């Protein structure tokens, strides 16, 4: 745990934070916001900022956001600074610690604020197999590609791998390639020199250098522009990077983990992802099953989230009823664990007693889980498609439907009469007679190699 104390509180906080973390915290100090930002730009990162409540916390948070530095901020001050504490929370501080500091309180706040989706709970055999493989390869230096649908817990698994690796004492740095604009992602990864582009007000160390010695997670790497992929490939192969606007290569020592919710093999075929980069990243593939494919995890995770959010909201202990558990198991969970967590948080708030019934477990639009399961089931979707097709035919003559079918098929075959007749199951002579009839009626008939439309 790396802590950066910003302001004049070093004397009051340093000893208490070290006691709170049993000596496991590395504590640095910056007397002002400018110096703190300069330290963060140079790669001397932090997991948490402890900031004097009397400082410009809103300005600090705005500066962090402007330079895309994601670090939680905790305000600290004397208990009489109630108004300042409220303003700090409104500005974006995660918590407020009154002074003089209490080591137990600091420990609780640090653990609550700095923990970022580290809860890793699983029971289903399909997930157990993935975790077993993750444990087997964690100690190696191999690059790992973690795949699965959105919300299945890919970053959680990445943190799990890092925590079991030889680099666990070093930084774990995550970059969401989908959340950063294409024009800025290169600078975010490799850093930049002062004046390299408009807005580059100072040298900025990128995530590669910040993660040196540790692990770099490239989240949703499938969204990275193919041109930047070439530079990434060189960095992985040669262990050197070039800052934007720099004049000499910079060596780095990192392990690469990457995640994707897309099929990268298909992306290679489409030309949107480099095949050689895929080979470099995909030394080991950890494929996470969707939540609907791991029913053994659903109830275990649900119980965990209910306990977590009852405590977080200051509510009495709550439990799931049997009908609620049954409803959870029947739901399709297209958003996976993330959707389950949000749904259970909502259920904790909506439940009127200590028992959470199925009626309290609803989607954001108020729809119950049983109704959602019915709507999303394959059988229901087929039935609705068939019903829609039937409705589209009602009120139309057989001749109208036949004409549309023949002309659409001819469009599909780019005017190839023989191919269209084979698809329709009629003779070429019958097809030609029909087309002559439609032409006489004033309809446009495509010639071979043409279509009526390309939509």
Protein backbone atom coordinates (compact mmCIF):
# COMPACT_ATOMS: atom_id res chain seq x y z
CA UNK A 1 0.00 0.00 0.00
CA UNK A 2 1.46 3.35 -1.12
CA UNK A 3 0.12 6.45 0.64
CA UNK A 4 0.81 10.06 -0.30
CA UNK A 5 0.10 12.68 2.37
CA UNK A 6 -0.65 16.07 0.80
CA UNK A 7 -0.38 19.17 2.99
CA UNK A 8 1.05 19.89 6.44
CA UNK A 9 -0.29 16.78 8.18
CA UNK A 10 2.78 14.59 7.84
CA UNK A 11 3.66 14.73 11.52
CA UNK A 12 0.14 13.78 12.61
CA UNK A 13 -0.56 11.11 9.98
CA UNK A 14 2.69 9.31 9.13
CA UNK A 15 3.07 7.36 12.37
CA UNK A 16 -0.65 6.57 12.62
CA UNK A 17 -0.82 5.27 9.05
CA UNK A 18 2.20 3.03 9.55
CA UNK A 19 0.64 1.67 12.75
CA UNK A 20 -2.67 1.18 10.99
CA UNK A 21 -1.06 -0.90 8.25
CA UNK A 22 1.31 -2.77 10.61
CA UNK A 23 4.29 -1.23 8.87
CA UNK A 24 3.08 -2.44 5.47
CA UNK A 25 2.39 1.03 4.11
CA UNK A 26 4.90 3.12 2.18
CA UNK A 27 4.22 6.73 3.16
CA UNK A 28 5.41 9.72 1.10
CA UNK A 29 4.77 13.41 1.64
CA UNK A 30 4.05 16.37 -0.64
CA UNK A 31 3.62 19.81 1.00
CA UNK A 32 1.35 21.07 -1.77
CA UNK A 33 -0.87 20.02 -4.64
CA UNK A 34 1.62 21.03 -7.34
CA UNK A 35 4.36 18.91 -5.80
CA UNK A 36 1.93 16.00 -5.36
CA UNK A 37 0.93 16.19 -9.04
CA UNK A 38 4.59 16.38 -10.09
CA UNK A 39 5.35 13.23 -8.07
CA UNK A 40 2.43 11.39 -9.66
CA UNK A 41 3.50 12.44 -13.16
CA UNK A 42 6.97 10.97 -12.64
CA UNK A 43 5.56 7.54 -11.87
CA UNK A 44 6.07 7.67 -8.11
CA UNK A 45 2.45 6.65 -7.81
CA UNK A 46 0.19 6.11 -4.83
CA UNK A 47 -2.77 3.91 -4.01
CA UNK A 48 -4.40 6.58 -1.84
CA UNK A 49 -4.05 10.33 -1.21
CA UNK A 50 -4.53 11.66 2.35
CA UNK A 51 -5.14 15.39 1.91
CA UNK A 52 -5.46 18.26 4.38
CA UNK A 53 -9.12 19.26 4.30
CA UNK A 54 -8.16 22.96 4.19
CA UNK A 55 -6.45 22.52 0.82
CA UNK A 56 -8.15 22.95 -2.57
CA UNK A 57 -9.47 19.40 -2.79
CA UNK A 58 -11.82 20.26 -5.66
CA UNK A 59 -8.85 21.63 -7.61
CA UNK A 60 -6.77 18.55 -6.82
CA UNK A 61 -9.48 16.18 -8.00
CA UNK A 62 -10.00 18.26 -11.15
CA UNK A 63 -6.24 18.08 -11.86
CA UNK A 64 -6.24 14.32 -11.34
CA UNK A 65 -9.18 13.92 -13.73
CA UNK A 66 -7.60 16.22 -16.33
CA UNK A 67 -4.48 14.07 -16.41
CA UNK A 68 -6.46 10.82 -16.11
CA UNK A 69 -4.79 9.80 -12.82
CA UNK A 70 -7.21 7.54 -10.98
CA UNK A 71 -6.42 7.65 -7.26
CA UNK A 72 -8.98 7.88 -4.42
CA UNK A 73 -8.73 10.96 -2.18
CA UNK A 74 -9.43 10.99 1.57
CA UNK A 75 -9.69 14.33 3.38
CA UNK A 76 -8.21 14.77 6.88
CA UNK A 77 -8.73 17.59 9.38
CA UNK A 78 -9.68 18.56 12.91
CA UNK A 79 -13.20 17.63 13.98
CA UNK A 80 -14.30 21.28 14.13
CA UNK A 81 -13.89 21.58 10.33
CA UNK A 82 -17.39 20.25 9.67
CA UNK A 83 -18.14 22.59 6.77
CA UNK A 84 -14.77 21.90 5.16
CA UNK A 85 -15.36 18.17 5.52
CA UNK A 86 -18.74 18.42 3.80
CA UNK A 87 -17.24 20.49 0.98
CA UNK A 88 -14.45 17.94 0.53
CA UNK A 89 -16.92 15.07 0.21
CA UNK A 90 -18.99 17.07 -2.26
CA UNK A 91 -15.86 17.80 -4.27
CA UNK A 92 -15.21 14.10 -4.67
CA UNK A 93 -13.26 12.94 -1.60
CA UNK A 94 -14.16 9.36 -0.75
CA UNK A 95 -14.05 9.79 3.03
CA UNK A 96 -13.12 12.13 5.89
CA UNK A 97 -10.77 11.25 8.76
CA UNK A 98 -10.95 13.51 11.86
CA UNK A 99 -7.72 14.50 13.63
CA UNK A 100 -6.00 13.63 15.87
CA UNK A 101 -5.91 10.33 13.98
CA UNK A 102 -6.97 6.98 15.36
CA UNK A 103 -4.95 4.09 13.90
CA UNK A 104 -7.93 1.70 13.89
CA UNK A 105 -10.12 4.25 12.09
CA UNK A 106 -7.41 4.96 9.52
CA UNK A 107 -6.96 1.22 8.89
CA UNK A 108 -10.69 0.76 8.34
CA UNK A 109 -10.95 3.75 5.99
CA UNK A 110 -7.87 2.77 3.99
CA UNK A 111 -9.08 -0.80 3.54
CA UNK A 112 -12.58 0.33 2.55
CA UNK A 113 -11.49 3.05 0.11
CA UNK A 114 -8.49 1.42 -1.52
CA UNK A 115 -10.10 -1.97 -2.05
CA UNK A 116 -11.22 -1.96 -5.69
CA UNK A 117 -13.34 -5.01 -6.49
CA UNK A 118 -10.92 -7.35 -4.74
CA UNK A 119 -13.63 -9.61 -3.38
CA UNK A 120 -13.19 -12.92 -5.16
CA UNK A 121 -15.89 -15.42 -4.33
CA UNK A 122 -16.63 -18.56 -6.32
CA UNK A 123 -18.23 -21.94 -5.75
CA UNK A 124 -19.10 -23.32 -9.19
CA UNK A 125 -16.84 -26.07 -10.63
CA UNK A 126 -16.50 -24.19 -13.93
CA UNK A 127 -15.03 -21.20 -12.10
CA UNK A 128 -12.89 -23.41 -9.88
CA UNK A 129 -11.16 -24.77 -12.99
CA UNK A 130 -10.32 -21.24 -14.16
CA UNK A 131 -8.97 -20.25 -10.74
CA UNK A 132 -6.86 -23.40 -10.54
CA UNK A 133 -5.26 -22.56 -13.88
CA UNK A 134 -4.74 -18.95 -12.76
CA UNK A 135 -2.90 -20.16 -9.66
CA UNK A 136 -0.72 -22.47 -11.77
CA UNK A 137 0.47 -19.70 -14.10
CA UNK A 138 0.51 -16.78 -11.63
CA UNK A 139 4.14 -17.30 -10.58
CA UNK A 140 5.39 -17.31 -14.17
CA UNK A 141 6.28 -14.30 -16.31
CA UNK A 142 3.94 -15.37 -19.12
CA UNK A 143 1.50 -12.89 -20.62
CA UNK A 144 -2.11 -13.85 -19.91
CA UNK A 145 -5.24 -13.03 -21.91
CA UNK A 146 -8.40 -13.03 -19.80
CA UNK A 147 -11.58 -13.28 -21.86
CA UNK A 148 -15.28 -13.37 -21.09
CA UNK A 149 -18.46 -11.36 -21.32
CA UNK A 150 -18.69 -7.90 -19.79
CA UNK A 151 -19.18 -8.08 -16.03
CA UNK A 152 -17.80 -11.59 -15.47
CA UNK A 153 -14.93 -10.36 -13.30
CA UNK A 154 -11.95 -10.21 -15.65
CA UNK A 155 -10.17 -7.45 -13.72
CA UNK A 156 -10.79 -9.26 -10.44
CA UNK A 157 -9.05 -12.33 -11.86
CA UNK A 158 -6.20 -10.14 -13.11
CA UNK A 159 -5.68 -8.76 -9.60
CA UNK A 160 -5.82 -12.32 -8.25
CA UNK A 161 -3.04 -13.36 -10.65
CA UNK A 162 -0.92 -10.37 -9.62
CA UNK A 163 -1.41 -11.07 -5.92
CA UNK A 164 -0.08 -14.61 -6.39
CA UNK A 165 2.82 -13.59 -8.63
CA UNK A 166 6.45 -12.83 -7.82
CA UNK A 167 5.61 -9.19 -8.52
CA UNK A 168 2.86 -8.90 -5.88
CA UNK A 169 4.85 -6.38 -3.81
CA UNK A 170 5.19 -4.11 -6.84
CA UNK A 171 2.52 -1.95 -8.51
CA UNK A 172 -0.58 -3.29 -10.25
CA UNK A 173 -1.57 -0.70 -12.86
CA UNK A 174 -4.75 -0.97 -14.92
CA UNK A 175 -5.54 0.93 -18.13
CA UNK A 176 -9.00 0.80 -19.69
CA UNK A 177 -8.25 1.00 -23.41
CA UNK A 178 -11.93 1.55 -24.23
CA UNK A 179 -12.39 4.52 -21.87
CA UNK A 180 -9.48 6.66 -23.10
CA UNK A 181 -9.77 8.55 -26.41
CA UNK A 182 -7.63 7.09 -29.17
CA UNK A 183 -5.55 10.28 -29.47
CA UNK A 184 -4.61 10.15 -25.77
CA UNK A 185 -4.09 6.42 -25.25
CA UNK A 186 -0.52 6.41 -26.60
CA UNK A 187 0.48 9.13 -24.13
CA UNK A 188 -1.36 7.33 -21.32
CA UNK A 189 0.58 4.11 -21.97
CA UNK A 190 4.02 5.40 -22.89
CA UNK A 191 4.10 8.89 -21.37
CA UNK A 192 5.13 12.12 -23.04
CA UNK A 193 7.71 14.86 -22.89
CA UNK A 194 6.86 18.48 -22.13
CA UNK A 195 5.57 20.21 -25.24
CA UNK A 196 5.09 16.97 -27.19
CA UNK A 197 1.56 18.08 -28.07
CA UNK A 198 -0.96 20.75 -27.12
CA UNK A 199 -1.71 20.40 -23.42
CA UNK A 200 1.52 18.55 -22.54
CA UNK A 201 2.48 21.06 -19.84
CA UNK A 202 5.08 18.80 -18.24
CA UNK A 203 6.80 15.46 -18.69
CA UNK A 204 4.39 12.65 -17.81
CA UNK A 205 5.48 9.11 -17.07
CA UNK A 206 3.16 6.58 -18.70
CA UNK A 207 1.60 3.44 -17.29
CA UNK A 208 4.41 1.24 -18.63
CA UNK A 209 6.98 3.08 -16.53
CA UNK A 210 4.64 3.43 -13.56
CA UNK A 211 4.10 -0.34 -13.54
CA UNK A 212 7.81 -1.15 -13.91
CA UNK A 213 8.66 -4.07 -11.67
CA UNK A 214 5.00 -4.98 -11.37
CA UNK A 215 2.01 -5.85 -13.55
CA UNK A 216 0.27 -3.82 -16.25
CA UNK A 217 -3.34 -4.73 -17.10
CA UNK A 218 -4.56 -3.65 -20.53
CA UNK A 219 -8.32 -3.78 -20.02
CA UNK A 220 -10.49 -4.25 -23.13
CA UNK A 221 -7.43 -4.32 -25.39
CA UNK A 222 -9.63 -5.19 -28.38
CA UNK A 223 -10.64 -1.49 -28.50
CA UNK A 224 -7.06 -0.31 -29.13
CA UNK A 225 -6.37 1.19 -32.57
CA UNK A 226 -4.46 -1.18 -34.81
CA UNK A 227 -1.70 1.41 -35.40
CA UNK A 228 -1.00 1.69 -31.67
CA UNK A 229 -0.94 -2.10 -31.45
CA UNK A 230 2.34 -2.08 -33.44
CA UNK A 231 4.01 0.12 -30.83
CA UNK A 232 2.60 -2.02 -28.04
CA UNK A 233 4.00 -5.15 -29.70
CA UNK A 234 7.48 -3.62 -29.79
CA UNK A 235 7.24 -2.65 -26.12
CA UNK A 236 6.28 -6.19 -25.13
CA UNK A 237 8.95 -7.84 -27.28
CA UNK A 238 11.88 -5.54 -26.58
CA UNK A 239 10.96 -4.30 -23.09
CA UNK A 240 11.58 -0.71 -24.11
CA UNK A 241 9.19 2.16 -24.80
CA UNK A 242 9.37 5.56 -26.48
CA UNK A 243 7.67 8.46 -24.78
CA UNK A 244 5.63 10.69 -27.10
CA UNK A 245 8.06 13.42 -28.15
CA UNK A 246 10.99 11.55 -26.60
CA UNK A 247 14.41 11.09 -28.18
CA UNK A 248 15.65 7.87 -26.56
CA UNK A 249 14.07 4.53 -25.59
CA UNK A 250 13.22 3.84 -21.95
CA UNK A 251 13.65 0.28 -20.57
CA UNK A 252 10.75 -1.21 -18.60
CA UNK A 253 10.29 -4.39 -16.58
CA UNK A 254 6.64 -5.42 -16.47
CA UNK A 255 4.33 -8.36 -16.88
CA UNK A 256 1.43 -7.87 -19.26
CA UNK A 257 -2.12 -9.05 -18.58
CA UNK A 258 -4.91 -8.19 -21.01
CA UNK A 259 -8.68 -8.59 -21.07
CA UNK A 260 -11.25 -8.65 -23.85
CA UNK A 261 -14.97 -9.27 -24.11
CA UNK A 262 -14.62 -9.79 -27.87
CA UNK A 263 -13.39 -12.77 -29.86
CA UNK A 264 -9.88 -11.62 -30.81
CA UNK A 265 -9.44 -14.42 -33.34
CA UNK A 266 -12.45 -13.03 -35.19
CA UNK A 267 -11.02 -9.52 -34.80
CA UNK A 268 -7.80 -10.74 -36.47
CA UNK A 269 -9.83 -12.05 -39.42
CA UNK A 270 -11.62 -8.70 -39.66
CA UNK A 271 -8.29 -6.86 -39.67
CA UNK A 272 -8.96 -4.86 -36.49
CA UNK A 273 -6.42 -6.73 -34.36
CA UNK A 274 -2.85 -7.77 -35.13
CA UNK A 275 -2.26 -11.51 -35.23
CA UNK A 276 1.33 -11.22 -33.96
CA UNK A 277 0.14 -9.18 -30.96
CA UNK A 278 -2.50 -11.81 -30.20
CA UNK A 279 0.21 -14.49 -30.19
CA UNK A 280 2.29 -12.40 -27.75
CA UNK A 281 -0.61 -11.79 -25.38
CA UNK A 282 -2.30 -15.17 -25.56
CA UNK A 283 0.44 -17.33 -24.02
CA UNK A 284 -2.21 -18.43 -21.53
CA UNK A 285 -5.94 -17.85 -21.97
CA UNK A 286 -8.20 -17.67 -18.92
CA UNK A 287 -11.76 -17.80 -20.27
CA UNK A 288 -14.32 -16.80 -17.66
CA UNK A 289 -17.74 -18.45 -17.97
CA UNK A 290 -20.81 -16.24 -17.99
CA UNK A 291 -22.72 -16.08 -14.70
CA UNK A 292 -25.65 -18.02 -16.19
CA UNK A 293 -23.17 -20.86 -16.86
CA UNK A 294 -22.03 -21.00 -13.22
CA UNK A 295 -25.20 -21.42 -11.13
CA UNK A 296 -23.14 -22.52 -8.14
CA UNK A 297 -21.82 -18.96 -7.83
CA UNK A 298 -25.12 -17.09 -8.10
CA UNK A 299 -26.50 -17.69 -4.60
CA UNK A 300 -23.08 -17.46 -2.94
CA UNK A 301 -22.42 -14.09 -4.59
CA UNK A 302 -25.96 -12.94 -3.84
CA UNK A 303 -25.57 -13.66 -0.10
CA UNK A 304 -22.25 -11.80 -0.14
CA UNK A 305 -23.72 -8.72 -1.85
CA UNK A 306 -26.75 -8.65 0.47
CA UNK A 307 -24.50 -8.65 3.55
CA UNK A 308 -22.16 -6.08 1.98
CA UNK A 309 -24.83 -3.53 1.08
CA UNK A 310 -26.90 -3.94 4.22
CA UNK A 311 -23.78 -3.02 6.20
CA UNK A 312 -22.78 -0.22 3.82
CA UNK A 313 -26.23 1.41 4.13
CA UNK A 314 -26.48 0.99 7.90
CA UNK A 315 -29.38 -1.46 7.63
CA UNK A 316 -30.16 -4.53 9.76
CA UNK A 317 -28.93 -7.90 8.55
CA UNK A 318 -31.06 -9.17 5.67
CA UNK A 319 -31.50 -12.60 4.11
CA UNK A 320 -32.80 -13.92 0.81
CA UNK A 321 -36.02 -15.92 0.85
CA UNK A 322 -36.26 -19.24 -0.96
CA UNK A 323 -38.42 -17.75 -3.73
CA UNK A 324 -35.87 -14.96 -4.16
CA UNK A 325 -33.07 -17.51 -4.51
CA UNK A 326 -35.10 -19.43 -7.08
CA UNK A 327 -35.73 -16.23 -9.06
CA UNK A 328 -32.00 -15.43 -9.04
CA UNK A 329 -31.17 -18.85 -10.46
CA UNK A 330 -33.71 -18.49 -13.29
CA UNK A 331 -32.57 -15.03 -14.45
CA UNK A 332 -30.39 -14.76 -17.60
CA UNK A 333 -27.97 -12.14 -16.15
CA UNK A 334 -26.76 -10.58 -19.42
CA UNK A 335 -24.66 -8.17 -17.31
CA UNK A 336 -23.21 -11.06 -15.29
CA UNK A 337 -21.71 -10.44 -11.82
CA UNK A 338 -21.86 -6.66 -12.21
CA UNK A 339 -25.59 -6.83 -12.93
CA UNK A 340 -26.15 -9.26 -10.05
CA UNK A 341 -24.37 -6.91 -7.64
CA UNK A 342 -26.42 -3.88 -8.71
CA UNK A 343 -29.64 -5.89 -8.51
CA UNK A 344 -28.90 -7.10 -4.96
CA UNK A 345 -27.91 -3.60 -3.87
CA UNK A 346 -31.29 -2.41 -5.13
CA UNK A 347 -33.07 -5.32 -3.38
CA UNK A 348 -31.46 -4.47 -0.04
CA UNK A 349 -32.83 -0.92 -0.31
CA UNK A 350 -36.29 -1.95 -1.51
CA UNK A 351 -36.92 -4.76 0.99
CA UNK A 352 -39.33 -3.75 3.76
CA UNK A 353 -38.22 -6.30 6.34
CA UNK A 354 -35.28 -8.48 7.23
CA UNK A 355 -36.29 -11.05 4.60
CA UNK A 356 -35.77 -10.16 0.94
CA UNK A 357 -38.52 -11.67 -1.19
CA UNK A 358 -38.65 -12.13 -4.95
CA UNK A 359 -40.80 -9.00 -5.28
CA UNK A 360 -37.87 -6.84 -4.10
CA UNK A 361 -35.52 -8.21 -6.75
CA UNK A 362 -36.31 -6.15 -9.81
CA UNK A 363 -34.45 -4.68 -12.76
CA UNK A 364 -33.92 -0.89 -13.05
CA UNK A 365 -37.14 -0.54 -15.08
CA UNK A 366 -39.13 -2.36 -12.38
CA UNK A 367 -39.43 -5.64 -14.29
CA UNK A 368 -39.27 -8.77 -12.14
CA UNK A 369 -36.64 -11.43 -12.73
CA UNK A 370 -39.13 -14.11 -13.75
CA UNK A 371 -40.55 -11.86 -16.46
CA UNK A 372 -37.05 -10.97 -17.66
CA UNK A 373 -36.10 -14.66 -17.83
CA UNK A 374 -39.20 -15.38 -19.91
CA UNK A 375 -38.45 -12.51 -22.31
CA UNK A 376 -34.80 -13.48 -22.77
CA UNK A 377 -35.31 -17.23 -23.09
CA UNK A 378 -34.52 -18.69 -26.57
CA UNK A 379 -37.96 -20.30 -26.78
CA UNK A 380 -39.67 -17.01 -26.04
CA UNK A 381 -37.53 -15.14 -28.57
CA UNK A 382 -38.37 -17.71 -31.27
CA UNK A 383 -42.05 -17.48 -30.40
CA UNK A 384 -42.00 -13.68 -30.59
CA UNK A 385 -40.17 -13.78 -33.94
CA UNK A 386 -42.71 -16.22 -35.35
CA UNK A 387 -45.57 -14.08 -34.05
CA UNK A 388 -44.08 -10.94 -35.62
CA UNK A 389 -43.71 -12.71 -38.96
CA UNK A 390 -47.28 -13.91 -38.79
CA UNK A 391 -48.55 -10.41 -38.04
CA UNK A 392 -46.58 -9.07 -41.00
CA UNK A 393 -48.38 -11.49 -43.35
CA UNK A 394 -51.92 -10.84 -42.11
CA UNK A 395 -53.99 -8.84 -44.62
CA UNK A 396 -51.73 -9.52 -47.58
CA UNK A 397 -52.56 -11.67 -50.61
CA UNK A 398 -50.57 -14.77 -51.59
CA UNK A 399 -49.54 -13.02 -54.80
CA UNK A 400 -48.10 -10.05 -52.86
CA UNK A 401 -46.10 -12.31 -50.53
CA UNK A 402 -44.87 -14.45 -53.46
CA UNK A 403 -43.76 -11.38 -55.42
CA UNK A 404 -41.79 -9.96 -52.47
CA UNK A 405 -40.16 -13.33 -51.77
CA UNK A 406 -39.06 -13.80 -55.39
CA UNK A 407 -37.66 -10.30 -55.78
CA UNK A 408 -35.86 -10.38 -52.40
CA UNK A 409 -34.28 -13.72 -53.33
CA UNK A 410 -33.18 -12.32 -56.69
CA UNK A 411 -31.59 -9.38 -54.84
CA UNK A 412 -29.80 -11.83 -52.57
CA UNK A 413 -28.31 -13.67 -55.58
CA UNK A 414 -27.32 -10.45 -57.36
CA UNK A 415 -29.71 -11.18 -60.23
CA UNK A 416 -28.54 -14.78 -60.81
CA UNK A 417 -31.74 -16.46 -62.07
CA UNK A 418 -30.49 -20.06 -61.74
CA UNK A 419 -29.30 -19.58 -58.15
CA UNK A 420 -32.54 -17.81 -57.18
CA UNK A 421 -34.68 -20.58 -58.70
CA UNK A 422 -32.74 -23.21 -56.75
CA UNK A 423 -33.24 -21.33 -53.48
CA UNK A 424 -36.95 -20.85 -54.17
CA UNK A 425 -37.43 -24.48 -55.23
CA UNK A 426 -38.99 -23.62 -58.57
CA UNK A 427 -37.90 -24.15 -62.18
CA UNK A 428 -35.95 -21.50 -64.03
CA UNK A 429 -38.81 -21.31 -66.56
CA UNK A 430 -41.35 -20.56 -63.81
CA UNK A 431 -39.06 -17.88 -62.37
CA UNK A 432 -38.63 -16.21 -65.77
CA UNK A 433 -42.38 -16.20 -66.35
CA UNK A 434 -42.90 -14.51 -62.96
CA UNK A 435 -40.23 -11.92 -63.67
CA UNK A 436 -41.76 -11.13 -67.07
CA UNK A 437 -45.11 -10.65 -65.35
CA UNK A 438 -43.61 -8.29 -62.74
CA UNK A 439 -41.82 -6.33 -65.46
CA UNK A 440 -45.11 -5.90 -67.34
CA UNK A 441 -46.61 -4.57 -64.08
CA UNK A 442 -43.96 -1.84 -64.08
CA UNK A 443 -41.62 -3.28 -61.44
CA UNK A 444 -37.84 -2.96 -61.73
CA UNK A 445 -36.18 -6.32 -62.27
CA UNK A 446 -32.39 -6.51 -61.65
CA UNK A 447 -30.14 -7.77 -64.42
CA UNK A 448 -27.53 -10.44 -63.64
CA UNK A 449 -24.83 -8.90 -61.44
CA UNK A 450 -27.15 -6.17 -60.18
CA UNK A 451 -29.51 -5.58 -57.25
CA UNK A 452 -32.55 -3.43 -56.79
CA UNK A 453 -30.96 -2.11 -53.58
CA UNK A 454 -27.91 -2.72 -51.43
CA UNK A 455 -29.50 -2.20 -48.04
